[in-house]
Amino acid sequence: MKIKLLFFILLVMAAWSVFAQADISKEITATANAGFENYLQKIPLGEESFFGFKTREEFANVKIDKPYQIYTLNADFFNDTSLSEKNYLLATNEWRVALSVDNEFRVILTIAKVQDTWQVVSIGAAALAKELDGFEKKHISVNTSGMILRIYQMDCDFILSSPDNSLNNIKVYLPESAKIALNKTNEADLSYTLQQVLVLAKTKIENK
């Protein structure tokens, strides 16, 4: 009986987490909708290509696309001598939202919580937008939002993929910045377990 009750509690908590994530994702998308045009106009004339656009006229066809929550590493990751199976990921109050034209990601909006309010704070990362676009087309997902692990100590990102957008059963994919940071540039587009990536990252950071 206790086992059944525990299972039910865990199931409810998992469902609540998914619904909470969906609510935040909608809020992030609404924030992007309200602020993206202002940030498009901040792109200097003649520099559109640096932001993923072919011409300035494409601005009129921009659509808000998939949002990605940013995770980073918590203090335990750096303090533990050897990594265990505990959760070393820390959700941040920062999201990346892809802007697309003709169903192709072009540039990324960064949305952060500023004084308890979600706000668009920057635009850029066209290279990451292109990599995310390729990833989404290759690994089609029903999730309305995604997850990115940002390791600031290595200045690179990792794409996290999970069937239910939770921290369970995560697969990790390496964009170009992560391949360079981990000296994996000659490897194919393989997935890793989260534990594998964390061990590689810890070794890399400690050997700097």
C-alpha atoms as a PDB file:
ATOM      1  CA  MET A   1       0.000   0.000   0.000  1.00  0.00           C
ATOM      2  CA  LYS A   2       2.801   2.418   0.892  1.00  0.00           C
ATOM      3  CA  ILE A   3       4.566   1.645  -2.394  1.00  0.00           C
ATOM      4  CA  LYS A   4       1.391   2.392  -4.368  1.00  0.00           C
ATOM      5  CA  LEU A   5       0.920   5.652  -2.475  1.00  0.00           C
ATOM      6  CA  LEU A   6       4.519   6.691  -3.097  1.00  0.00           C
ATOM      7  CA  PHE A   7       4.177   5.882  -6.795  1.00  0.00           C
ATOM      8  CA  PHE A   8       0.984   7.973  -6.972  1.00  0.00           C
ATOM      9  CA  ILE A   9       2.678  10.925  -5.258  1.00  0.00           C
ATOM     10  CA  LEU A  10       5.634  10.753  -7.664  1.00  0.00           C
ATOM     11  CA  LEU A  11       3.255  10.565 -10.613  1.00  0.00           C
ATOM     12  CA  VAL A  12       1.351  13.643  -9.434  1.00  0.00           C
ATOM     13  CA  MET A  13       4.588  15.562  -8.874  1.00  0.00           C
ATOM     14  CA  ALA A  14       5.826  14.669 -12.371  1.00  0.00           C
ATOM     15  CA  ALA A  15       2.525  15.757 -13.927  1.00  0.00           C
ATOM     16  CA  TRP A  16       2.578  19.030 -11.962  1.00  0.00           C
ATOM     17  CA  SER A  17       6.138  19.695 -13.170  1.00  0.00           C
ATOM     18  CA  VAL A  18       5.143  19.190 -16.811  1.00  0.00           C
ATOM     19  CA  PHE A  19       2.092  21.492 -16.471  1.00  0.00           C
ATOM     20  CA  ALA A  20       4.146  24.153 -14.664  1.00  0.00           C
ATOM     21  CA  GLN A  21       6.755  23.994 -17.422  1.00  0.00           C
ATOM     22  CA  ALA A  22       4.022  24.426 -20.049  1.00  0.00           C
ATOM     23  CA  ASP A  23       2.622  27.492 -18.255  1.00  0.00           C
ATOM     24  CA  ILE A  24       6.052  29.129 -18.058  1.00  0.00           C
ATOM     25  CA  SER A  25       6.699  28.284 -21.702  1.00  0.00           C
ATOM     26  CA  LYS A  26       3.496  30.104 -22.699  1.00  0.00           C
ATOM     27  CA  GLU A  27       4.554  33.130 -20.658  1.00  0.00           C
ATOM     28  CA  ILE A  28       7.972  33.124 -22.324  1.00  0.00           C
ATOM     29  CA  THR A  29       6.378  32.941 -25.784  1.00  0.00           C
ATOM     30  CA  ALA A  30       4.065  35.832 -24.921  1.00  0.00           C
ATOM     31  CA  THR A  31       7.042  37.902 -23.756  1.00  0.00           C
ATOM     32  CA  ALA A  32       8.882  37.143 -27.000  1.00  0.00           C
ATOM     33  CA  ASN A  33       5.827  38.162 -29.024  1.00  0.00           C
ATOM     34  CA  ALA A  34       5.622  41.459 -27.197  1.00  0.00           C
ATOM     35  CA  GLY A  35       9.300  42.366 -27.562  1.00  0.00           C
ATOM     36  CA  PHE A  36      10.837  40.794 -30.658  1.00  0.00           C
ATOM     37  CA  GLU A  37       9.991  43.574 -33.130  1.00  0.00           C
ATOM     38  CA  ASN A  38      11.765  46.161 -31.002  1.00  0.00           C
ATOM     39  CA  TYR A  39      14.893  44.011 -30.938  1.00  0.00           C
ATOM     40  CA  LEU A  40      14.791  43.359 -34.675  1.00  0.00           C
ATOM     41  CA  GLN A  41      14.929  47.116 -35.185  1.00  0.00           C
ATOM     42  CA  LYS A  42      18.063  47.275 -33.041  1.00  0.00           C
ATOM     43  CA  ILE A  43      19.944  45.275 -35.712  1.00  0.00           C
ATOM     44  CA  PRO A  44      22.170  47.806 -37.531  1.00  0.00           C
ATOM     45  CA  LEU A  45      21.524  48.448 -41.219  1.00  0.00           C
ATOM     46  CA  GLY A  46      23.773  46.281 -43.354  1.00  0.00           C
ATOM     47  CA  GLU A  47      24.440  43.759 -40.566  1.00  0.00           C
ATOM     48  CA  GLU A  48      21.362  41.588 -41.064  1.00  0.00           C
ATOM     49  CA  SER A  49      23.426  38.598 -42.212  1.00  0.00           C
ATOM     50  CA  PHE A  50      25.247  38.512 -38.858  1.00  0.00           C
ATOM     51  CA  PHE A  51      21.835  37.912 -37.274  1.00  0.00           C
ATOM     52  CA  GLY A  52      20.789  35.122 -39.640  1.00  0.00           C
ATOM     53  CA  PHE A  53      18.754  37.187 -42.117  1.00  0.00           C
ATOM     54  CA  LYS A  54      19.246  37.488 -45.861  1.00  0.00           C
ATOM     55  CA  THR A  55      17.525  40.868 -46.159  1.00  0.00           C
ATOM     56  CA  ARG A  56      15.832  43.334 -43.836  1.00  0.00           C
ATOM     57  CA  GLU A  57      12.564  42.641 -45.631  1.00  0.00           C
ATOM     58  CA  GLU A  58      12.522  39.206 -43.960  1.00  0.00           C
ATOM     59  CA  PHE A  59      11.753  40.899 -40.650  1.00  0.00           C
ATOM     60  CA  ALA A  60       8.110  41.152 -41.767  1.00  0.00           C
ATOM     61  CA  ASN A  61       7.874  37.345 -41.940  1.00  0.00           C
ATOM     62  CA  VAL A  62       9.454  36.529 -38.589  1.00  0.00           C
ATOM     63  CA  LYS A  63       7.579  34.130 -36.333  1.00  0.00           C
ATOM     64  CA  ILE A  64       8.139  33.180 -32.707  1.00  0.00           C
ATOM     65  CA  ASP A  65       9.319  29.607 -32.618  1.00  0.00           C
ATOM     66  CA  LYS A  66      10.451  27.135 -29.959  1.00  0.00           C
ATOM     67  CA  PRO A  67      11.581  28.375 -26.515  1.00  0.00           C
ATOM     68  CA  TYR A  68      14.422  26.642 -24.643  1.00  0.00           C
ATOM     69  CA  GLN A  69      14.981  26.860 -20.913  1.00  0.00           C
ATOM     70  CA  ILE A  70      18.606  27.336 -19.885  1.00  0.00           C
ATOM     71  CA  TYR A  71      20.130  25.038 -17.285  1.00  0.00           C
ATOM     72  CA  THR A  72      23.568  25.328 -15.747  1.00  0.00           C
ATOM     73  CA  LEU A  73      25.608  23.363 -13.191  1.00  0.00           C
ATOM     74  CA  ASN A  74      24.970  23.643  -9.475  1.00  0.00           C
ATOM     75  CA  ALA A  75      27.575  24.006  -6.709  1.00  0.00           C
ATOM     76  CA  ASP A  76      27.650  20.253  -5.998  1.00  0.00           C
ATOM     77  CA  PHE A  77      29.070  19.610  -9.465  1.00  0.00           C
ATOM     78  CA  PHE A  78      32.154  21.642  -8.624  1.00  0.00           C
ATOM     79  CA  ASN A  79      32.420  20.566  -4.978  1.00  0.00           C
ATOM     80  CA  ASP A  80      32.050  16.793  -5.382  1.00  0.00           C
ATOM     81  CA  THR A  81      35.361  14.995  -5.852  1.00  0.00           C
ATOM     82  CA  SER A  82      33.680  12.334  -7.971  1.00  0.00           C
ATOM     83  CA  LEU A  83      30.303  12.605  -9.653  1.00  0.00           C
ATOM     84  CA  SER A  84      27.413  10.486  -8.459  1.00  0.00           C
ATOM     85  CA  GLU A  85      23.905   9.944  -9.830  1.00  0.00           C
ATOM     86  CA  LYS A  86      22.525  13.055  -8.096  1.00  0.00           C
ATOM     87  CA  ASN A  87      21.050  15.927 -10.056  1.00  0.00           C
ATOM     88  CA  TYR A  88      23.743  18.470 -10.941  1.00  0.00           C
ATOM     89  CA  LEU A  89      21.542  20.638 -13.154  1.00  0.00           C
ATOM     90  CA  LEU A  90      20.218  23.988 -12.029  1.00  0.00           C
ATOM     91  CA  ALA A  91      17.337  25.677 -13.851  1.00  0.00           C
ATOM     92  CA  THR A  92      17.972  29.367 -14.474  1.00  0.00           C
ATOM     93  CA  ASN A  93      15.604  32.288 -14.995  1.00  0.00           C
ATOM     94  CA  GLU A  94      16.803  32.554 -18.556  1.00  0.00           C
ATOM     95  CA  TRP A  95      15.342  31.250 -21.806  1.00  0.00           C
ATOM     96  CA  ARG A  96      16.358  31.277 -25.462  1.00  0.00           C
ATOM     97  CA  VAL A  97      13.590  31.689 -28.034  1.00  0.00           C
ATOM     98  CA  ALA A  98      14.147  30.934 -31.697  1.00  0.00           C
ATOM     99  CA  LEU A  99      12.869  33.395 -34.314  1.00  0.00           C
ATOM    100  CA  SER A 100      12.114  31.742 -37.629  1.00  0.00           C
ATOM    101  CA  VAL A 101      11.446  32.711 -41.232  1.00  0.00           C
ATOM    102  CA  ASP A 102       9.923  30.132 -43.607  1.00  0.00           C
ATOM    103  CA  ASN A 103      10.157  27.460 -40.874  1.00  0.00           C
ATOM    104  CA  GLU A 104      13.890  28.020 -40.454  1.00  0.00           C
ATOM    105  CA  PHE A 105      15.438  29.267 -37.216  1.00  0.00           C
ATOM    106  CA  ARG A 106      17.391  32.456 -37.922  1.00  0.00           C
ATOM    107  CA  VAL A 107      18.312  34.101 -34.621  1.00  0.00           C
ATOM    108  CA  ILE A 108      17.817  33.731 -30.882  1.00  0.00           C
ATOM    109  CA  LEU A 109      16.082  36.032 -28.399  1.00  0.00           C
ATOM    110  CA  THR A 110      17.280  35.845 -24.817  1.00  0.00           C
ATOM    111  CA  ILE A 111      14.554  36.285 -22.221  1.00  0.00           C
ATOM    112  CA  ALA A 112      15.385  36.705 -18.546  1.00  0.00           C
ATOM    113  CA  LYS A 113      13.516  37.509 -15.366  1.00  0.00           C
ATOM    114  CA  VAL A 114      14.284  41.089 -14.363  1.00  0.00           C
ATOM    115  CA  GLN A 115      12.778  42.222 -11.041  1.00  0.00           C
ATOM    116  CA  ASP A 116      10.216  39.384 -11.182  1.00  0.00           C
ATOM    117  CA  THR A 117       9.189  40.239 -14.746  1.00  0.00           C
ATOM    118  CA  TRP A 118      10.096  38.316 -17.894  1.00  0.00           C
ATOM    119  CA  GLN A 119      11.803  40.600 -20.422  1.00  0.00           C
ATOM    120  CA  VAL A 120      13.609  40.277 -23.731  1.00  0.00           C
ATOM    121  CA  VAL A 121      17.206  41.277 -22.989  1.00  0.00           C
ATOM    122  CA  SER A 122      19.157  40.513 -26.173  1.00  0.00           C
ATOM    123  CA  ILE A 123      19.132  39.151 -29.719  1.00  0.00           C
ATOM    124  CA  GLY A 124      21.870  37.189 -31.500  1.00  0.00           C
ATOM    125  CA  ALA A 125      23.438  33.697 -31.565  1.00  0.00           C
ATOM    126  CA  ALA A 126      22.592  33.059 -35.220  1.00  0.00           C
ATOM    127  CA  ALA A 127      25.021  30.113 -35.261  1.00  0.00           C
ATOM    128  CA  LEU A 128      23.211  28.443 -32.362  1.00  0.00           C
ATOM    129  CA  ALA A 129      19.862  29.119 -34.056  1.00  0.00           C
ATOM    130  CA  LYS A 130      21.089  27.295 -37.163  1.00  0.00           C
ATOM    131  CA  GLU A 131      22.282  24.331 -35.108  1.00  0.00           C
ATOM    132  CA  LEU A 132      19.021  24.152 -33.165  1.00  0.00           C
ATOM    133  CA  ASP A 133      17.111  24.242 -36.454  1.00  0.00           C
ATOM    134  CA  GLY A 134      19.098  21.287 -37.771  1.00  0.00           C
ATOM    135  CA  PHE A 135      18.620  19.413 -34.505  1.00  0.00           C
ATOM    136  CA  GLU A 136      14.848  19.950 -34.457  1.00  0.00           C
ATOM    137  CA  LYS A 137      14.475  18.774 -38.038  1.00  0.00           C
ATOM    138  CA  LYS A 138      16.540  15.658 -37.348  1.00  0.00           C
ATOM    139  CA  HIS A 139      15.084  14.843 -33.922  1.00  0.00           C
ATOM    140  CA  ILE A 140      11.408  15.731 -34.239  1.00  0.00           C
ATOM    141  CA  SER A 141       9.810  16.252 -30.829  1.00  0.00           C
ATOM    142  CA  VAL A 142       6.257  16.835 -29.633  1.00  0.00           C
ATOM    143  CA  ASN A 143       7.546  18.994 -26.770  1.00  0.00           C
ATOM    144  CA  THR A 144       6.574  22.640 -27.167  1.00  0.00           C
ATOM    145  CA  SER A 145       9.728  23.776 -25.366  1.00  0.00           C
ATOM    146  CA  GLY A 146      13.306  22.523 -25.168  1.00  0.00           C
ATOM    147  CA  MET A 147      16.253  22.510 -22.798  1.00  0.00           C
ATOM    148  CA  ILE A 148      19.818  23.754 -23.164  1.00  0.00           C
ATOM    149  CA  LEU A 149      22.657  23.138 -20.734  1.00  0.00           C
ATOM    150  CA  ARG A 150      24.952  26.166 -20.645  1.00  0.00           C
ATOM    151  CA  ILE A 151      28.370  25.529 -19.107  1.00  0.00           C
ATOM    152  CA  TYR A 152      29.794  29.018 -18.629  1.00  0.00           C
ATOM    153  CA  GLN A 153      33.207  27.720 -17.535  1.00  0.00           C
ATOM    154  CA  MET A 154      33.602  26.148 -20.996  1.00  0.00           C
ATOM    155  CA  ASP A 155      31.691  28.826 -22.952  1.00  0.00           C
ATOM    156  CA  CYS A 156      29.526  26.249 -24.714  1.00  0.00           C
ATOM    157  CA  ASP A 157      26.015  24.820 -24.914  1.00  0.00           C
ATOM    158  CA  PHE A 158      24.588  21.307 -24.925  1.00  0.00           C
ATOM    159  CA  ILE A 159      21.145  20.361 -26.245  1.00  0.00           C
ATOM    160  CA  LEU A 160      19.152  18.254 -23.785  1.00  0.00           C
ATOM    161  CA  SER A 161      16.428  15.961 -25.078  1.00  0.00           C
ATOM    162  CA  SER A 162      13.850  14.099 -23.016  1.00  0.00           C
ATOM    163  CA  PRO A 163      10.563  12.406 -24.059  1.00  0.00           C
ATOM    164  CA  ASP A 164       8.530  14.402 -21.536  1.00  0.00           C
ATOM    165  CA  ASN A 165      10.814  17.452 -21.225  1.00  0.00           C
ATOM    166  CA  SER A 166      11.783  16.412 -17.703  1.00  0.00           C
ATOM    167  CA  LEU A 167      15.240  15.726 -16.280  1.00  0.00           C
ATOM    168  CA  ASN A 168      14.613  11.971 -16.568  1.00  0.00           C
ATOM    169  CA  ASN A 169      16.051   9.828 -19.373  1.00  0.00           C
ATOM    170  CA  ILE A 170      17.953  12.750 -20.865  1.00  0.00           C
ATOM    171  CA  LYS A 171      19.964  12.417 -24.044  1.00  0.00           C
ATOM    172  CA  VAL A 172      22.600  15.057 -24.703  1.00  0.00           C
ATOM    173  CA  TYR A 173      23.640  16.308 -28.134  1.00  0.00           C
ATOM    174  CA  LEU A 174      26.718  18.401 -28.860  1.00  0.00           C
ATOM    175  CA  PRO A 175      26.425  21.568 -30.963  1.00  0.00           C
ATOM    176  CA  GLU A 176      29.627  22.790 -32.592  1.00  0.00           C
ATOM    177  CA  SER A 177      30.686  24.894 -29.590  1.00  0.00           C
ATOM    178  CA  ALA A 178      30.478  21.842 -27.323  1.00  0.00           C
ATOM    179  CA  LYS A 179      32.349  19.637 -29.806  1.00  0.00           C
ATOM    180  CA  ILE A 180      35.165  22.186 -29.907  1.00  0.00           C
ATOM    181  CA  ALA A 181      35.256  22.509 -26.111  1.00  0.00           C
ATOM    182  CA  LEU A 182      35.424  18.734 -25.624  1.00  0.00           C
ATOM    183  CA  ASN A 183      37.725  18.050 -28.603  1.00  0.00           C
ATOM    184  CA  LYS A 184      35.001  16.026 -30.345  1.00  0.00           C
ATOM    185  CA  THR A 185      35.005  17.876 -33.669  1.00  0.00           C
ATOM    186  CA  ASN A 186      35.735  14.732 -35.692  1.00  0.00           C
ATOM    187  CA  GLU A 187      32.889  12.730 -34.184  1.00  0.00           C
ATOM    188  CA  ALA A 188      29.519  12.104 -35.776  1.00  0.00           C
ATOM    189  CA  ASP A 189      26.317  13.610 -34.388  1.00  0.00           C
ATOM    190  CA  LEU A 190      26.010  11.118 -31.530  1.00  0.00           C
ATOM    191  CA  SER A 191      23.972  11.375 -28.373  1.00  0.00           C
ATOM    192  CA  TYR A 192      25.491  11.007 -24.921  1.00  0.00           C
ATOM    193  CA  THR A 193      24.035  10.278 -21.527  1.00  0.00           C
ATOM    194  CA  LEU A 194      23.996  13.225 -19.154  1.00  0.00           C
ATOM    195  CA  GLN A 195      26.442  11.415 -16.879  1.00  0.00           C
ATOM    196  CA  GLN A 196      28.927  10.949 -19.742  1.00  0.00           C
ATOM    197  CA  VAL A 197      28.838  14.637 -20.605  1.00  0.00           C
ATOM    198  CA  LEU A 198      29.168  15.739 -16.982  1.00  0.00           C
ATOM    199  CA  VAL A 199      32.240  13.541 -16.482  1.00  0.00           C
ATOM    200  CA  LEU A 200      33.821  14.933 -19.671  1.00  0.00           C
ATOM    201  CA  ALA A 201      32.985  18.504 -18.630  1.00  0.00           C
ATOM    202  CA  LYS A 202      34.354  18.093 -15.099  1.00  0.00           C
ATOM    203  CA  THR A 203      37.631  16.676 -16.420  1.00  0.00           C
ATOM    204  CA  LYS A 204      37.914  19.512 -18.930  1.00  0.00           C
ATOM    205  CA  ILE A 205      37.214  22.240 -16.355  1.00  0.00           C
ATOM    206  CA  GLU A 206      39.595  20.782 -13.749  1.00  0.00           C
ATOM    207  CA  ASN A 207      42.403  20.491 -16.315  1.00  0.00           C
ATOM    208  CA  LYS A 208      42.166  24.109 -17.429  1.00  0.00           C
END
